[in-house]
Amino acid sequence: MQNEMNEQSTNQSQPMFMEPPKVISTKDALYIADMLTWNLVAMKKAHFFASQCQDAEIAQEIEKVCKMHQRHYERILPHLENTQSQQTLQ
């Protein structure tokens, strides 16, 4: 009985996509916007804390964190820009 339930639940699961969809849903676009905000805030905080740090080594490491969040922001941004241009075309 339990094996039948497990088989049914795996058969009813969502299909796996081999490549991302061409269109991003509104919910996904909002989540991407949230990710941008999180990375921007983390980047600003890291930059502020690095500027306040007395130890140069620690300040340098915190600046690395700042740059990491900036790279993440820059990698996420095109996904949201593509979504906005698609919505404009529709």
N, C-alpha and C. Protein backbone atom coordinates (compact mmCIF):
# COMPACT_ATOMS: atom_id res chain seq x y z
N MET A 1 0.82 -1.20 0.00
CA MET A 1 0.00 0.00 0.00
C MET A 1 0.86 1.26 0.00
N GLN A 2 1.85 1.29 0.88
CA GLN A 2 2.70 2.47 0.97
C GLN A 2 3.54 2.64 -0.29
N ASN A 3 3.99 1.52 -0.88
CA ASN A 3 4.74 1.61 -2.13
C ASN A 3 3.90 2.22 -3.24
N GLU A 4 2.61 1.89 -3.27
CA GLU A 4 1.72 2.45 -4.27
C GLU A 4 1.60 3.97 -4.09
N MET A 5 1.51 4.42 -2.83
CA MET A 5 1.40 5.85 -2.56
C MET A 5 2.67 6.57 -3.00
N ASN A 6 3.84 5.95 -2.71
CA ASN A 6 5.10 6.57 -3.11
C ASN A 6 5.21 6.67 -4.63
N GLU A 7 4.77 5.63 -5.34
CA GLU A 7 4.81 5.66 -6.79
C GLU A 7 3.88 6.73 -7.34
N GLN A 8 2.70 6.87 -6.74
CA GLN A 8 1.75 7.88 -7.19
C GLN A 8 2.29 9.28 -6.97
N SER A 9 2.92 9.50 -5.82
CA SER A 9 3.42 10.85 -5.53
C SER A 9 4.58 11.21 -6.46
N THR A 10 5.41 10.24 -6.84
CA THR A 10 6.50 10.56 -7.76
C THR A 10 5.97 10.78 -9.17
N ASN A 11 4.91 10.08 -9.55
CA ASN A 11 4.33 10.27 -10.88
C ASN A 11 3.62 11.62 -10.98
N GLN A 12 3.11 12.14 -9.88
CA GLN A 12 2.38 13.39 -9.89
C GLN A 12 3.28 14.61 -9.69
N SER A 13 4.57 14.40 -9.51
CA SER A 13 5.46 15.53 -9.28
C SER A 13 5.59 16.35 -10.56
N GLN A 14 6.07 17.56 -10.40
CA GLN A 14 6.19 18.47 -11.53
C GLN A 14 7.27 17.96 -12.49
N PRO A 15 7.09 18.22 -13.77
CA PRO A 15 8.10 17.77 -14.75
C PRO A 15 9.41 18.54 -14.59
N MET A 16 10.51 17.88 -14.91
CA MET A 16 11.81 18.53 -14.86
C MET A 16 12.10 19.15 -16.22
N PHE A 17 12.56 20.39 -16.21
CA PHE A 17 12.90 21.08 -17.44
C PHE A 17 14.40 20.98 -17.65
N MET A 18 14.79 20.73 -18.87
CA MET A 18 16.20 20.63 -19.19
C MET A 18 16.82 22.02 -19.40
N GLU A 19 16.00 23.00 -19.74
CA GLU A 19 16.46 24.38 -19.88
C GLU A 19 15.40 25.30 -19.28
N PRO A 20 15.80 26.49 -18.86
CA PRO A 20 14.83 27.39 -18.22
C PRO A 20 13.75 27.83 -19.21
N PRO A 21 12.57 28.14 -18.71
CA PRO A 21 11.50 28.59 -19.60
C PRO A 21 11.84 29.94 -20.22
N LYS A 22 11.24 30.23 -21.37
CA LYS A 22 11.49 31.50 -22.08
C LYS A 22 10.83 32.68 -21.38
N VAL A 23 9.73 32.42 -20.66
CA VAL A 23 8.99 33.47 -19.99
C VAL A 23 9.08 33.26 -18.48
N ILE A 24 9.27 34.34 -17.74
CA ILE A 24 9.34 34.27 -16.28
C ILE A 24 7.99 34.75 -15.73
N SER A 25 7.44 33.97 -14.81
CA SER A 25 6.15 34.34 -14.23
C SER A 25 6.30 35.58 -13.36
N THR A 26 5.18 36.19 -13.04
CA THR A 26 5.18 37.37 -12.17
C THR A 26 5.78 37.03 -10.82
N LYS A 27 5.42 35.87 -10.30
CA LYS A 27 5.94 35.45 -8.99
C LYS A 27 7.46 35.29 -9.05
N ASP A 28 7.97 34.70 -10.12
CA ASP A 28 9.42 34.55 -10.28
C ASP A 28 10.10 35.92 -10.42
N ALA A 29 9.48 36.83 -11.17
CA ALA A 29 10.05 38.17 -11.34
C ALA A 29 10.12 38.91 -10.01
N LEU A 30 9.10 38.74 -9.19
CA LEU A 30 9.11 39.37 -7.86
C LEU A 30 10.21 38.77 -6.98
N TYR A 31 10.40 37.45 -7.08
CA TYR A 31 11.46 36.81 -6.30
C TYR A 31 12.84 37.29 -6.77
N ILE A 32 13.01 37.45 -8.08
CA ILE A 32 14.27 37.95 -8.61
C ILE A 32 14.51 39.38 -8.11
N ALA A 33 13.47 40.18 -8.09
CA ALA A 33 13.59 41.55 -7.56
C ALA A 33 13.99 41.52 -6.08
N ASP A 34 13.42 40.59 -5.33
CA ASP A 34 13.81 40.44 -3.92
C ASP A 34 15.28 40.06 -3.79
N MET A 35 15.75 39.14 -4.64
CA MET A 35 17.16 38.74 -4.59
C MET A 35 18.06 39.93 -4.88
N LEU A 36 17.65 40.77 -5.83
CA LEU A 36 18.43 41.98 -6.11
C LEU A 36 18.51 42.87 -4.88
N THR A 37 17.38 43.05 -4.22
CA THR A 37 17.33 43.89 -3.03
C THR A 37 18.22 43.32 -1.93
N TRP A 38 18.14 42.01 -1.71
CA TRP A 38 18.96 41.39 -0.66
C TRP A 38 20.44 41.59 -0.94
N ASN A 39 20.85 41.40 -2.18
CA ASN A 39 22.26 41.56 -2.51
C ASN A 39 22.70 43.01 -2.44
N LEU A 40 21.83 43.93 -2.84
CA LEU A 40 22.17 45.35 -2.75
C LEU A 40 22.35 45.77 -1.29
N VAL A 41 21.44 45.35 -0.43
CA VAL A 41 21.54 45.70 0.99
C VAL A 41 22.80 45.08 1.60
N ALA A 42 23.08 43.82 1.29
CA ALA A 42 24.28 43.16 1.82
C ALA A 42 25.54 43.86 1.33
N MET A 43 25.53 44.28 0.06
CA MET A 43 26.67 44.99 -0.50
C MET A 43 26.89 46.31 0.22
N LYS A 44 25.83 47.07 0.44
CA LYS A 44 25.95 48.36 1.12
C LYS A 44 26.41 48.19 2.56
N LYS A 45 25.87 47.18 3.25
CA LYS A 45 26.27 46.95 4.64
C LYS A 45 27.74 46.55 4.71
N ALA A 46 28.17 45.66 3.83
CA ALA A 46 29.57 45.23 3.84
C ALA A 46 30.49 46.41 3.57
N HIS A 47 30.12 47.25 2.63
CA HIS A 47 30.95 48.42 2.32
C HIS A 47 31.02 49.37 3.53
N PHE A 48 29.88 49.57 4.19
CA PHE A 48 29.86 50.44 5.36
C PHE A 48 30.74 49.86 6.48
N PHE A 49 30.58 48.55 6.75
CA PHE A 49 31.36 47.95 7.83
C PHE A 49 32.85 47.95 7.50
N ALA A 50 33.20 47.76 6.24
CA ALA A 50 34.61 47.80 5.85
C ALA A 50 35.18 49.20 6.08
N SER A 51 34.37 50.22 5.80
CA SER A 51 34.85 51.60 5.99
C SER A 51 35.00 51.94 7.47
N GLN A 52 34.26 51.25 8.34
CA GLN A 52 34.32 51.52 9.77
C GLN A 52 35.37 50.66 10.48
N CYS A 53 35.89 49.67 9.78
CA CYS A 53 36.81 48.71 10.41
C CYS A 53 38.20 49.33 10.61
N GLN A 54 38.78 49.09 11.77
CA GLN A 54 40.10 49.62 12.11
C GLN A 54 41.23 48.73 11.57
N ASP A 55 40.99 47.45 11.50
CA ASP A 55 41.98 46.47 11.04
C ASP A 55 41.93 46.37 9.51
N ALA A 56 43.05 46.68 8.85
CA ALA A 56 43.08 46.72 7.39
C ALA A 56 42.82 45.35 6.77
N GLU A 57 43.33 44.29 7.41
CA GLU A 57 43.12 42.93 6.88
C GLU A 57 41.64 42.56 6.90
N ILE A 58 40.99 42.86 8.00
CA ILE A 58 39.56 42.54 8.13
C ILE A 58 38.76 43.41 7.17
N ALA A 59 39.12 44.67 7.04
CA ALA A 59 38.43 45.55 6.11
C ALA A 59 38.55 45.03 4.68
N GLN A 60 39.72 44.51 4.33
CA GLN A 60 39.94 43.96 2.99
C GLN A 60 39.05 42.73 2.77
N GLU A 61 38.92 41.88 3.77
CA GLU A 61 38.07 40.69 3.65
C GLU A 61 36.60 41.08 3.53
N ILE A 62 36.20 42.10 4.28
CA ILE A 62 34.81 42.56 4.20
C ILE A 62 34.54 43.17 2.82
N GLU A 63 35.53 43.85 2.26
CA GLU A 63 35.38 44.40 0.90
C GLU A 63 35.23 43.27 -0.12
N LYS A 64 35.88 42.14 0.12
CA LYS A 64 35.70 40.98 -0.76
C LYS A 64 34.24 40.51 -0.72
N VAL A 65 33.66 40.54 0.46
CA VAL A 65 32.24 40.18 0.61
C VAL A 65 31.38 41.16 -0.17
N CYS A 66 31.72 42.43 -0.07
CA CYS A 66 31.00 43.48 -0.81
C CYS A 66 31.06 43.20 -2.31
N LYS A 67 32.24 42.90 -2.82
CA LYS A 67 32.41 42.62 -4.25
C LYS A 67 31.65 41.36 -4.67
N MET A 68 31.61 40.36 -3.79
CA MET A 68 30.88 39.14 -4.09
C MET A 68 29.40 39.45 -4.28
N HIS A 69 28.82 40.24 -3.37
CA HIS A 69 27.41 40.60 -3.49
C HIS A 69 27.17 41.46 -4.73
N GLN A 70 28.13 42.29 -5.08
CA GLN A 70 28.01 43.10 -6.29
C GLN A 70 27.99 42.20 -7.53
N ARG A 71 28.85 41.18 -7.56
CA ARG A 71 28.86 40.25 -8.69
C ARG A 71 27.53 39.51 -8.79
N HIS A 72 27.01 39.08 -7.63
CA HIS A 72 25.71 38.40 -7.63
C HIS A 72 24.62 39.31 -8.16
N TYR A 73 24.63 40.56 -7.72
CA TYR A 73 23.65 41.55 -8.18
C TYR A 73 23.73 41.70 -9.70
N GLU A 74 24.94 41.83 -10.21
CA GLU A 74 25.13 42.03 -11.64
C GLU A 74 24.76 40.80 -12.46
N ARG A 75 24.86 39.61 -11.86
CA ARG A 75 24.46 38.39 -12.57
C ARG A 75 22.94 38.21 -12.56
N ILE A 76 22.28 38.69 -11.53
CA ILE A 76 20.82 38.54 -11.41
C ILE A 76 20.09 39.60 -12.24
N LEU A 77 20.63 40.80 -12.29
CA LEU A 77 19.96 41.92 -12.94
C LEU A 77 19.51 41.64 -14.38
N PRO A 78 20.32 41.04 -15.23
CA PRO A 78 19.86 40.80 -16.60
C PRO A 78 18.59 39.94 -16.68
N HIS A 79 18.41 39.03 -15.73
CA HIS A 79 17.21 38.19 -15.75
C HIS A 79 15.96 39.04 -15.55
N LEU A 80 16.05 40.01 -14.68
CA LEU A 80 14.91 40.88 -14.44
C LEU A 80 14.71 41.85 -15.60
N GLU A 81 15.79 42.33 -16.18
CA GLU A 81 15.68 43.22 -17.34
C GLU A 81 15.02 42.51 -18.52
N ASN A 82 15.37 41.24 -18.74
CA ASN A 82 14.75 40.47 -19.81
C ASN A 82 13.26 40.31 -19.58
N THR A 83 12.88 40.11 -18.33
CA THR A 83 11.46 39.94 -17.99
C THR A 83 10.70 41.23 -18.28
N GLN A 84 11.26 42.36 -17.91
CA GLN A 84 10.58 43.64 -18.12
C GLN A 84 10.45 43.95 -19.60
N SER A 85 11.46 43.62 -20.39
CA SER A 85 11.36 43.89 -21.84
C SER A 85 10.34 42.96 -22.48
N GLN A 86 10.19 41.73 -21.99
CA GLN A 86 9.20 40.81 -22.51
C GLN A 86 7.78 41.32 -22.20
N GLN A 87 7.59 41.87 -21.00
CA GLN A 87 6.29 42.37 -20.62
C GLN A 87 5.92 43.59 -21.45
N THR A 88 6.90 44.40 -21.82
CA THR A 88 6.66 45.58 -22.63
C THR A 88 6.20 45.18 -24.04
N LEU A 89 6.77 44.09 -24.55
CA LEU A 89 6.41 43.62 -25.88
C LEU A 89 4.99 43.06 -25.95
N GLN A 90 4.48 42.58 -24.84
CA GLN A 90 3.16 41.94 -24.84
C GLN A 90 2.05 42.91 -24.79
